[in-house]
Amino acid sequence: MKNLIKTVLVIIALSLPFAGSSQVLMKEMLTQNQKGTLDKSVNWPGKKIYFELKYDSTRTFKYDGKESARYYYTLMIADNAGMGNAIKVPTMVRDLVITTYFELYLSNGTETKTFTLVYDKNNKWYRIKFAPQAGCRREELWKRENNIASYTDMLGSMVRQMDNNLKLDCYRGNESKVVME
């Protein structure tokens, strides 16, 4: 009996470091549509924010004899569940071994800039790098988010930061001016 208890305790002790390391972003999620809702929008005061990351396609990319996939989406952000009059943002995701890059192409009609979210899979944090066009800025407080628990939480947090830091109407109707690679 003592040996059984010791064995169980050793197994528990060895497995504890791995108990909290479940994956936030799994490969199969990259080809699925994602939806979410957030309360208290800055861009639409008193309303909720509805967002949908709509999967469009996967393309193979080759560089120096190596091959990887790029996932293409349309991010839609609106103040209504039906996504009527949504702001549409062309998006590309590069999912690498340790890091995932979300690249959103935001055009104000005259200039397109790349909004990049860098997600560290091992340490479960992300940060945003973006310098919005003049007139489209609000605060520009792109804070690093730690302890990301789920893919949905990460996307919601990203949209929340976009709502807080950008005048989203600057990008309405300009998605056709974005040239994707």
Protein backbone atom coordinates (compact mmCIF):
# COMPACT_ATOMS: atom_id res chain seq x y z
CA MET A 1 0.00 0.00 0.00
CA LYS A 2 2.85 2.37 0.85
CA ASN A 3 4.44 1.75 -2.55
CA LEU A 4 1.14 2.50 -4.29
CA ILE A 5 0.74 5.80 -2.44
CA LYS A 6 4.36 6.77 -3.20
CA THR A 7 3.89 5.94 -6.87
CA VAL A 8 0.69 8.00 -7.10
CA LEU A 9 2.37 10.95 -5.35
CA VAL A 10 5.36 10.79 -7.72
CA ILE A 11 3.05 10.72 -10.76
CA ILE A 12 1.08 13.69 -9.43
CA ALA A 13 4.26 15.63 -8.65
CA LEU A 14 5.66 14.99 -12.12
CA SER A 15 2.42 15.94 -13.90
CA LEU A 16 1.69 19.18 -12.01
CA PRO A 17 3.96 21.38 -14.17
CA PHE A 18 2.00 20.30 -17.24
CA ALA A 19 -1.49 20.67 -15.74
CA GLY A 20 -1.82 24.36 -16.66
CA SER A 21 -0.18 24.22 -20.07
CA SER A 22 -3.10 23.42 -22.34
CA GLN A 23 -3.03 25.00 -25.78
CA VAL A 24 -4.97 28.19 -26.44
CA LEU A 25 -4.69 28.08 -30.22
CA MET A 26 -5.06 24.72 -31.90
CA LYS A 27 -4.44 24.22 -35.61
CA GLU A 28 -8.03 23.16 -36.35
CA MET A 29 -9.29 26.49 -34.94
CA LEU A 30 -7.50 28.33 -37.73
CA THR A 31 -10.00 27.16 -40.34
CA GLN A 32 -13.12 27.84 -38.28
CA ASN A 33 -15.14 31.03 -37.99
CA GLN A 34 -14.95 32.70 -34.57
CA LYS A 35 -17.56 35.01 -33.03
CA GLY A 36 -17.81 37.11 -29.92
CA THR A 37 -19.53 39.97 -28.14
CA LEU A 38 -18.14 42.66 -25.85
CA ASP A 39 -19.99 45.14 -23.62
CA LYS A 40 -19.58 48.91 -23.44
CA SER A 41 -18.11 50.01 -26.74
CA VAL A 42 -16.09 53.22 -26.96
CA ASN A 43 -16.90 53.67 -30.66
CA TRP A 44 -20.64 53.04 -30.18
CA PRO A 45 -21.36 54.35 -26.64
CA GLY A 46 -24.00 52.37 -24.81
CA LYS A 47 -23.88 49.50 -27.29
CA LYS A 48 -22.23 46.12 -27.48
CA ILE A 49 -19.52 45.21 -29.97
CA TYR A 50 -20.13 42.16 -32.12
CA PHE A 51 -17.24 40.62 -33.99
CA GLU A 52 -16.70 37.70 -36.31
CA LEU A 53 -13.47 36.35 -37.70
CA LYS A 54 -14.68 34.71 -40.92
CA TYR A 55 -12.34 32.15 -42.47
CA ASP A 56 -11.76 32.72 -46.19
CA SER A 57 -8.92 30.46 -47.37
CA THR A 58 -5.56 28.83 -46.72
CA ARG A 59 -2.61 29.37 -49.04
CA THR A 60 0.72 27.59 -49.05
CA PHE A 61 3.76 29.83 -48.76
CA LYS A 62 7.28 28.72 -49.71
CA TYR A 63 10.47 30.42 -48.56
CA ASP A 64 14.01 29.04 -48.76
CA GLY A 65 12.71 25.57 -49.59
CA LYS A 66 10.42 25.49 -46.55
CA GLU A 67 6.66 25.43 -46.76
CA SER A 68 4.05 26.84 -44.39
CA ALA A 69 0.44 27.93 -44.50
CA ARG A 70 -1.10 31.37 -44.38
CA TYR A 71 -4.71 31.63 -43.26
CA TYR A 72 -6.86 34.43 -44.67
CA TYR A 73 -9.94 35.90 -42.98
CA THR A 74 -12.24 38.85 -42.86
CA LEU A 75 -12.64 40.40 -39.42
CA MET A 76 -16.05 42.03 -39.12
CA ILE A 77 -16.85 44.44 -36.28
CA ALA A 78 -20.33 45.90 -35.79
CA ASP A 79 -22.73 47.34 -33.22
CA ASN A 80 -25.43 44.79 -34.06
CA ALA A 81 -25.67 40.99 -34.02
CA GLY A 82 -26.74 40.83 -37.68
CA MET A 83 -23.44 42.47 -38.69
CA GLY A 84 -25.35 45.08 -40.68
CA ASN A 85 -22.98 47.84 -41.86
CA ALA A 86 -19.99 46.03 -40.29
CA ILE A 87 -16.45 47.31 -40.55
CA LYS A 88 -14.56 44.67 -42.54
CA VAL A 89 -10.85 44.16 -42.10
CA PRO A 90 -8.82 41.79 -44.33
CA THR A 91 -6.70 39.58 -42.07
CA MET A 92 -3.91 37.04 -42.43
CA VAL A 93 -2.58 34.64 -39.80
CA ARG A 94 0.84 33.00 -39.87
CA ASP A 95 0.94 30.14 -37.37
CA LEU A 96 4.53 29.22 -36.61
CA VAL A 97 5.94 26.76 -34.09
CA ILE A 98 6.24 29.10 -31.10
CA THR A 99 4.60 32.31 -32.31
CA THR A 100 1.40 33.17 -34.16
CA TYR A 101 1.13 36.44 -36.06
CA PHE A 102 -2.25 38.07 -36.76
CA GLU A 103 -1.90 40.76 -39.44
CA LEU A 104 -4.89 43.04 -39.98
CA TYR A 105 -4.76 45.41 -42.94
CA LEU A 106 -6.48 48.67 -42.02
CA SER A 107 -7.10 51.19 -44.79
CA ASN A 108 -8.48 54.67 -44.21
CA GLY A 109 -9.05 55.09 -47.96
CA THR A 110 -5.71 56.69 -48.75
CA GLU A 111 -3.23 54.58 -46.82
CA THR A 112 -3.12 50.96 -45.60
CA LYS A 113 -1.24 50.07 -42.43
CA THR A 114 -0.64 46.68 -40.86
CA PHE A 115 -1.94 46.02 -37.36
CA THR A 116 0.07 43.10 -35.96
CA LEU A 117 -0.77 40.95 -32.95
CA VAL A 118 2.15 38.76 -31.85
CA TYR A 119 1.06 35.76 -29.75
CA ASP A 120 3.65 33.73 -27.81
CA LYS A 121 2.25 30.19 -27.53
CA ASN A 122 4.64 29.01 -24.81
CA ASN A 123 4.11 31.86 -22.39
CA LYS A 124 0.49 32.65 -23.40
CA TRP A 125 0.81 36.40 -23.89
CA TYR A 126 0.29 38.76 -26.81
CA ARG A 127 1.16 42.29 -27.72
CA ILE A 128 -0.02 44.56 -30.50
CA LYS A 129 2.17 46.66 -32.77
CA PHE A 130 0.35 49.35 -34.72
CA ALA A 131 0.75 53.01 -35.58
CA PRO A 132 -2.70 54.16 -36.82
CA GLN A 133 -3.17 56.77 -39.49
CA ALA A 134 -3.57 60.37 -38.31
CA GLY A 135 -7.20 61.09 -37.58
CA CYS A 136 -7.94 57.42 -36.82
CA ARG A 137 -6.18 57.36 -33.46
CA ARG A 138 -7.87 57.48 -30.12
CA GLU A 139 -5.48 56.67 -27.27
CA GLU A 140 -2.81 54.26 -28.53
CA LEU A 141 -2.41 52.34 -25.31
CA TRP A 142 -1.54 48.95 -26.80
CA LYS A 143 -0.93 46.93 -23.68
CA ARG A 144 0.57 43.48 -23.46
CA GLU A 145 -1.97 40.87 -22.36
CA ASN A 146 -0.71 38.03 -20.19
CA ASN A 147 -2.23 34.69 -19.16
CA ILE A 148 -4.36 34.22 -22.26
CA ALA A 149 -6.73 31.36 -21.38
CA SER A 150 -8.53 30.76 -24.68
CA TYR A 151 -8.58 31.71 -28.34
CA THR A 152 -11.94 33.43 -27.89
CA ASP A 153 -10.56 35.51 -25.00
CA MET A 154 -7.56 36.55 -27.08
CA LEU A 155 -9.73 37.65 -30.01
CA GLY A 156 -12.11 39.51 -27.68
CA SER A 157 -9.21 41.26 -25.99
CA MET A 158 -7.78 42.27 -29.37
CA VAL A 159 -11.12 43.73 -30.52
CA ARG A 160 -11.45 45.53 -27.15
CA GLN A 161 -8.04 47.16 -27.65
CA MET A 162 -9.02 48.14 -31.20
CA ASP A 163 -12.26 49.68 -29.89
CA ASN A 164 -10.41 51.60 -27.16
CA ASN A 165 -7.55 52.85 -29.32
CA LEU A 166 -9.02 53.45 -32.78
CA LYS A 167 -11.80 55.43 -34.39
CA LEU A 168 -13.19 52.41 -36.20
CA ASP A 169 -15.33 54.44 -38.62
CA CYS A 170 -12.07 55.54 -40.31
CA TYR A 171 -11.83 52.04 -41.77
CA ARG A 172 -15.45 51.53 -42.82
CA GLY A 173 -15.86 50.62 -46.49
CA ASN A 174 -12.16 50.68 -47.33
CA GLU A 175 -11.46 46.94 -47.30
CA SER A 176 -11.51 46.81 -51.12
CA LYS A 177 -8.50 49.16 -51.19
CA VAL A 178 -6.34 46.59 -49.39
CA VAL A 179 -4.11 44.43 -51.58
CA MET A 180 -3.42 41.08 -49.93
CA GLU A 181 -0.20 39.22 -50.69
